Amino acid sequence: MKRKAQTEIIGLVIIVIIVTIAMLFYLSFKAKPENATQKTLYQEFAYNELATSFTQTLLETYVDDCQATMEELIVDCGSLRGGRIRCGFMSSCEKLEDVLIEIKNKTLDVWDYPYGLSITFSSNQNLSYILYNCTLDTVGRGTPGIFLIPYYPDPGVATVELGLCKY
């Protein structure tokens, strides 16, 4: 009688293991991002991360001619006391524009992502607004990577924004 009970318990354990493995296979196939919503969420996250990372790296880029970062050039260009940073024969605003165009030509344009890139000063002066295969009202435009740069001690803020658009 004791052997028969042990055999039944072993059979029950085997059935539980088989059912557990079957459930794991089922759940692993269901968890893959095969439906459109999951792919869209993943792509949205990737676009937002790329925009934020690119913008942050852009601001930290060091410009040898000026002995300053892009962020420092933005502050100098937009502040009331601007013009303290000279880049050879160019002002900080001129050099900022040149470097911005050079960087976007070698990165975003090569990667072939549609985008909108802007640097706006609190005086509503746009230094640059560059669109590439993207319009201001593009449907599905991703959340931009936005960074606010204060002109401290001067009043005002510069806004650097990169939004990636979807095809």
Protein backbone atom coordinates (compact mmCIF):
# COMPACT_ATOMS: atom_id res chain seq x y z
CA MET A 1 0.00 0.00 0.00
CA LYS A 2 2.88 2.32 0.89
CA ARG A 3 4.54 1.77 -2.54
CA LYS A 4 1.31 2.56 -4.36
CA ALA A 5 1.01 5.92 -2.53
CA GLN A 6 4.61 6.81 -3.38
CA THR A 7 4.00 6.02 -7.05
CA GLU A 8 0.91 8.22 -7.09
CA ILE A 9 2.82 11.13 -5.48
CA ILE A 10 5.64 10.80 -8.04
CA GLY A 11 3.06 10.81 -10.84
CA LEU A 12 1.41 13.91 -9.38
CA VAL A 13 4.79 15.70 -9.11
CA ILE A 14 5.58 14.85 -12.76
CA ILE A 15 2.20 16.25 -13.88
CA VAL A 16 2.79 19.47 -11.89
CA ILE A 17 6.26 19.86 -13.46
CA ILE A 18 4.88 19.35 -16.99
CA VAL A 19 2.06 21.88 -16.40
CA THR A 20 4.58 24.39 -14.95
CA ILE A 21 6.91 24.04 -17.96
CA ALA A 22 3.97 24.43 -20.35
CA MET A 23 2.88 27.62 -18.53
CA LEU A 24 6.42 29.02 -18.71
CA PHE A 25 6.55 28.42 -22.48
CA TYR A 26 3.14 30.01 -22.93
CA LEU A 27 4.04 33.09 -20.88
CA SER A 28 7.43 33.53 -22.56
CA PHE A 29 5.80 33.62 -26.00
CA LYS A 30 3.08 36.00 -24.81
CA ALA A 31 5.63 38.39 -23.26
CA LYS A 32 7.43 39.05 -26.56
CA PRO A 33 6.61 42.50 -28.04
CA GLU A 34 4.81 41.16 -31.09
CA ASN A 35 1.76 43.35 -30.94
CA ALA A 36 1.82 46.90 -32.25
CA THR A 37 1.23 48.59 -28.88
CA GLN A 38 4.30 47.06 -27.23
CA LYS A 39 6.50 47.84 -30.25
CA THR A 40 5.21 51.42 -30.29
CA LEU A 41 5.93 51.87 -26.58
CA TYR A 42 9.44 50.48 -27.01
CA GLN A 43 10.10 52.70 -30.03
CA GLU A 44 8.71 55.75 -28.19
CA PHE A 45 11.03 55.07 -25.26
CA ALA A 46 14.02 54.59 -27.59
CA TYR A 47 13.29 57.88 -29.41
CA ASN A 48 12.95 59.78 -26.13
CA GLU A 49 16.17 58.32 -24.75
CA LEU A 50 18.06 59.12 -27.94
CA ALA A 51 16.76 62.70 -27.97
CA THR A 52 17.65 63.27 -24.31
CA SER A 53 21.08 61.63 -24.55
CA PHE A 54 21.97 63.47 -27.76
CA THR A 55 20.95 66.84 -26.31
CA GLN A 56 22.89 66.27 -23.10
CA THR A 57 25.99 65.20 -25.03
CA LEU A 58 25.64 68.22 -27.32
CA LEU A 59 25.66 70.57 -24.34
CA GLU A 60 28.75 68.90 -22.87
CA THR A 61 30.69 69.04 -26.15
CA TYR A 62 33.91 71.01 -25.74
CA VAL A 63 34.78 73.52 -28.48
CA ASP A 64 38.57 73.88 -28.67
CA ASP A 65 38.58 77.21 -30.58
CA CYS A 66 36.63 78.85 -27.76
CA GLN A 67 37.99 76.95 -24.75
CA ALA A 68 34.35 76.43 -23.71
CA THR A 69 31.54 73.89 -23.86
CA MET A 70 28.46 74.30 -26.05
CA GLU A 71 26.46 75.10 -22.91
CA GLU A 72 28.86 77.95 -22.07
CA LEU A 73 28.56 79.25 -25.64
CA ILE A 74 24.76 79.22 -25.34
CA VAL A 75 24.89 81.15 -22.05
CA ASP A 76 27.34 83.68 -23.50
CA CYS A 77 25.31 84.11 -26.67
CA GLY A 78 22.00 84.64 -24.86
CA SER A 79 23.01 86.63 -21.81
CA LEU A 80 22.95 90.41 -21.52
CA ARG A 81 26.68 90.44 -20.96
CA GLY A 82 27.34 88.17 -23.94
CA GLY A 83 30.45 88.44 -26.01
CA ARG A 84 32.88 87.48 -23.27
CA ILE A 85 33.81 84.29 -25.13
CA ARG A 86 35.64 84.82 -28.40
CA CYS A 87 36.39 82.02 -30.84
CA GLY A 88 39.12 83.40 -33.05
CA PHE A 89 37.40 86.08 -35.12
CA MET A 90 33.90 84.73 -34.39
CA SER A 91 31.45 85.63 -31.65
CA SER A 92 30.00 82.93 -29.39
CA CYS A 93 26.71 83.05 -31.35
CA GLU A 94 28.42 82.59 -34.71
CA LYS A 95 30.57 79.74 -33.43
CA LEU A 96 27.58 78.11 -31.74
CA GLU A 97 25.69 78.11 -35.03
CA ASP A 98 28.68 76.69 -36.93
CA VAL A 99 29.35 73.90 -34.45
CA LEU A 100 25.66 73.03 -34.18
CA ILE A 101 25.37 72.63 -37.95
CA GLU A 102 28.58 70.60 -38.11
CA ILE A 103 27.46 68.23 -35.36
CA LYS A 104 23.99 67.67 -36.80
CA ASN A 105 25.48 67.07 -40.27
CA LYS A 106 27.75 64.36 -38.89
CA THR A 107 25.20 62.67 -36.62
CA LEU A 108 21.45 63.17 -37.01
CA ASP A 109 21.59 63.66 -40.79
CA VAL A 110 23.79 60.58 -41.24
CA TRP A 111 21.53 58.49 -38.98
CA ASP A 112 18.60 59.63 -41.16
CA TYR A 113 16.18 60.29 -38.30
CA PRO A 114 13.59 62.98 -38.98
CA TYR A 115 14.02 65.64 -36.29
CA GLY A 116 13.43 69.17 -35.12
CA LEU A 117 16.35 70.82 -33.31
CA SER A 118 16.17 74.25 -31.71
CA ILE A 119 17.94 76.63 -29.38
CA THR A 120 15.58 79.36 -28.21
CA PHE A 121 16.52 82.26 -25.97
CA SER A 122 14.16 83.89 -23.45
CA SER A 123 14.03 86.99 -25.65
CA ASN A 124 12.12 84.77 -28.15
CA GLN A 125 15.07 84.92 -30.49
CA ASN A 126 15.63 81.59 -32.22
CA LEU A 127 19.29 80.99 -32.79
CA SER A 128 18.52 77.96 -34.79
CA TYR A 129 15.56 75.84 -35.69
CA ILE A 130 16.51 73.04 -38.00
CA LEU A 131 13.97 70.61 -39.43
CA TYR A 132 14.92 67.45 -41.28
CA ASN A 133 12.12 65.43 -42.89
CA CYS A 134 9.89 66.63 -40.09
CA THR A 135 7.39 69.46 -39.73
CA LEU A 136 6.29 71.35 -36.66
CA ASP A 137 2.94 69.61 -36.77
CA THR A 138 4.18 66.10 -37.67
CA VAL A 139 1.80 63.50 -36.32
CA GLY A 140 3.53 61.24 -33.85
CA ARG A 141 6.33 63.63 -33.03
CA GLY A 142 8.21 62.19 -30.06
CA THR A 143 8.62 63.90 -26.74
CA PRO A 144 11.67 66.08 -27.13
CA GLY A 145 14.83 66.06 -25.12
CA ILE A 146 14.55 69.49 -23.47
CA PHE A 147 17.20 71.24 -21.43
CA LEU A 148 16.79 74.66 -19.82
CA ILE A 149 19.98 76.66 -19.34
CA PRO A 150 19.81 79.71 -17.02
CA TYR A 151 21.97 82.74 -17.82
CA TYR A 152 22.92 83.21 -14.18
CA PRO A 153 23.59 85.87 -12.90
CA ASP A 154 21.68 87.53 -15.78
CA PRO A 155 17.92 86.96 -15.99
CA GLY A 156 16.69 84.59 -18.65
CA VAL A 157 16.82 81.03 -19.86
CA ALA A 158 17.85 79.30 -23.08
CA THR A 159 15.92 76.22 -24.18
CA VAL A 160 17.65 73.48 -26.14
CA GLU A 161 15.21 71.02 -27.66
CA LEU A 162 15.54 67.97 -29.90
CA GLY A 163 12.40 66.13 -31.00
CA LEU A 164 12.61 63.01 -33.13
CA CYS A 165 9.72 62.44 -35.51
CA LYS A 166 8.40 59.09 -36.61
CA TYR A 167 8.31 58.06 -40.24
